[in-house]
Every structure is written in structure tokens, then in C-alpha cells.
N, C-alpha and C. Protein backbone atom coordinates (compact mmCIF):
# COMPACT_ATOMS: atom_id res chain seq x y z
N MET A 1 -25.16 -10.80 61.87
CA MET A 1 -26.71 -11.26 61.03
C MET A 1 -27.30 -10.36 60.09
N ASP A 2 -27.76 -9.49 61.28
CA ASP A 2 -28.51 -8.34 60.37
C ASP A 2 -27.55 -7.72 59.25
N GLN A 3 -26.73 -7.71 59.07
CA GLN A 3 -25.71 -7.61 57.91
C GLN A 3 -26.10 -8.45 56.55
N ASN A 4 -25.90 -9.82 56.85
CA ASN A 4 -26.37 -10.75 56.18
C ASN A 4 -27.61 -10.25 55.45
N ILE A 5 -28.38 -9.99 56.42
CA ILE A 5 -30.05 -9.95 55.84
C ILE A 5 -29.98 -8.77 54.82
N ALA A 6 -29.45 -7.86 55.22
CA ALA A 6 -29.65 -6.42 54.38
C ALA A 6 -28.87 -6.54 53.06
N ALA A 7 -27.63 -7.16 53.39
CA ALA A 7 -27.31 -7.76 51.92
C ALA A 7 -28.07 -8.67 51.03
N LEU A 8 -28.50 -9.26 51.99
CA LEU A 8 -29.35 -10.44 50.95
C LEU A 8 -30.78 -9.69 50.63
N SER A 9 -31.22 -8.88 51.26
CA SER A 9 -32.51 -8.24 50.63
C SER A 9 -31.90 -6.83 49.82
N SER A 10 -30.82 -6.60 49.69
CA SER A 10 -30.14 -5.73 48.94
C SER A 10 -29.98 -6.57 47.29
N SER A 11 -29.77 -8.19 47.47
CA SER A 11 -29.16 -8.42 46.41
C SER A 11 -30.30 -9.11 45.59
N GLY A 12 -31.50 -9.22 46.70
CA GLY A 12 -32.74 -9.53 46.14
C GLY A 12 -33.14 -8.56 44.95
N ASP A 13 -33.23 -7.10 46.00
CA ASP A 13 -33.86 -6.06 45.31
C ASP A 13 -33.35 -5.91 44.00
N VAL A 14 -32.02 -5.56 43.65
CA VAL A 14 -31.17 -5.71 42.56
C VAL A 14 -31.45 -6.56 41.30
N LEU A 15 -31.65 -8.07 41.55
CA LEU A 15 -32.23 -9.08 40.85
C LEU A 15 -33.50 -8.53 40.62
N PHE A 16 -34.31 -8.57 41.08
CA PHE A 16 -35.71 -8.46 40.69
C PHE A 16 -35.69 -6.95 39.86
N LEU A 17 -34.65 -6.02 40.16
CA LEU A 17 -34.98 -5.10 39.34
C LEU A 17 -34.48 -5.44 37.62
N MET A 18 -33.31 -5.97 37.68
CA MET A 18 -32.40 -6.47 36.37
C MET A 18 -33.54 -7.31 35.54
N LEU A 19 -33.91 -8.46 36.35
CA LEU A 19 -35.31 -8.92 35.85
C LEU A 19 -36.30 -7.96 34.90
N GLY A 20 -36.83 -7.42 35.83
CA GLY A 20 -37.78 -6.62 35.32
C GLY A 20 -37.58 -5.81 34.55
N ALA A 21 -36.10 -5.17 33.97
CA ALA A 21 -35.71 -4.49 33.30
C ALA A 21 -35.10 -5.02 31.85
N THR A 22 -34.76 -6.55 31.89
CA THR A 22 -34.78 -7.13 30.83
C THR A 22 -36.38 -7.62 30.16
N MET A 23 -37.50 -7.96 30.84
CA MET A 23 -38.91 -8.03 30.30
C MET A 23 -39.07 -6.86 30.00
N VAL A 24 -39.10 -5.90 30.28
CA VAL A 24 -39.60 -4.55 29.62
C VAL A 24 -38.79 -4.42 28.42
N PHE A 25 -37.25 -4.62 28.07
CA PHE A 25 -36.43 -4.47 27.34
C PHE A 25 -37.04 -5.53 26.21
N ALA A 26 -37.69 -6.65 26.63
CA ALA A 26 -38.14 -8.07 25.43
C ALA A 26 -39.16 -7.34 25.25
N MET A 27 -40.02 -6.48 25.72
CA MET A 27 -41.69 -6.47 25.42
C MET A 27 -41.47 -5.15 24.41
N HIS A 28 -40.59 -4.34 24.44
CA HIS A 28 -40.03 -3.33 23.64
C HIS A 28 -39.90 -4.03 22.37
N GLY A 29 -38.87 -4.79 22.04
CA GLY A 29 -38.89 -5.72 20.59
C GLY A 29 -40.24 -6.58 20.19
N GLY A 30 -40.43 -7.11 21.16
CA GLY A 30 -41.96 -7.68 20.86
C GLY A 30 -42.74 -6.66 20.30
N PHE A 31 -42.73 -5.70 20.59
CA PHE A 31 -43.78 -4.90 20.48
C PHE A 31 -43.55 -4.10 18.90
N ALA A 32 -42.11 -3.62 18.82
CA ALA A 32 -41.60 -3.26 17.46
C ALA A 32 -41.95 -4.62 16.41
N PHE A 33 -41.65 -5.90 16.69
CA PHE A 33 -42.18 -6.49 15.68
C PHE A 33 -43.79 -6.84 15.19
N LEU A 34 -44.56 -6.57 16.09
CA LEU A 34 -45.71 -6.40 16.12
C LEU A 34 -46.03 -5.16 15.09
N GLU A 35 -45.57 -4.36 15.43
CA GLU A 35 -45.77 -3.27 14.43
C GLU A 35 -45.14 -3.36 13.18
N VAL A 36 -44.33 -3.98 12.83
CA VAL A 36 -43.79 -4.19 11.69
C VAL A 36 -44.75 -4.71 10.68
N GLY A 37 -45.11 -6.04 11.54
CA GLY A 37 -45.71 -7.17 11.26
C GLY A 37 -47.26 -6.33 10.29
N THR A 38 -47.82 -5.19 11.35
CA THR A 38 -49.18 -4.74 10.80
C THR A 38 -48.90 -4.16 9.74
N VAL A 39 -47.87 -3.27 9.32
CA VAL A 39 -47.88 -2.39 8.85
C VAL A 39 -47.21 -3.03 7.40
N ARG A 40 -47.94 -3.18 6.44
CA ARG A 40 -47.58 -3.44 5.11
C ARG A 40 -48.13 -2.84 4.09
């Protein structure tokens, strides 16, 4: 039982890390578009 909880906790941590990294990557793209739009 403890092994299942540890594995689930580890999977949740990896999922949260990947979602956070994806959002940060998307924000970099959004900021680049914002900068391109303001420089004319």
C-alpha cells in the first residue's frame, strides 16, 4: 500500500512539473509575440 502511494505521489509530482514547464514555455512564446507587436 505504501509503495502505491509513493508511486502515485511521484507521478503527481512529475505531472505537475511537466504542466508547469509547458506553461512557462508557452509564456515565453506569448512574451515574444508581445515584444514583436510593440516594436514597429
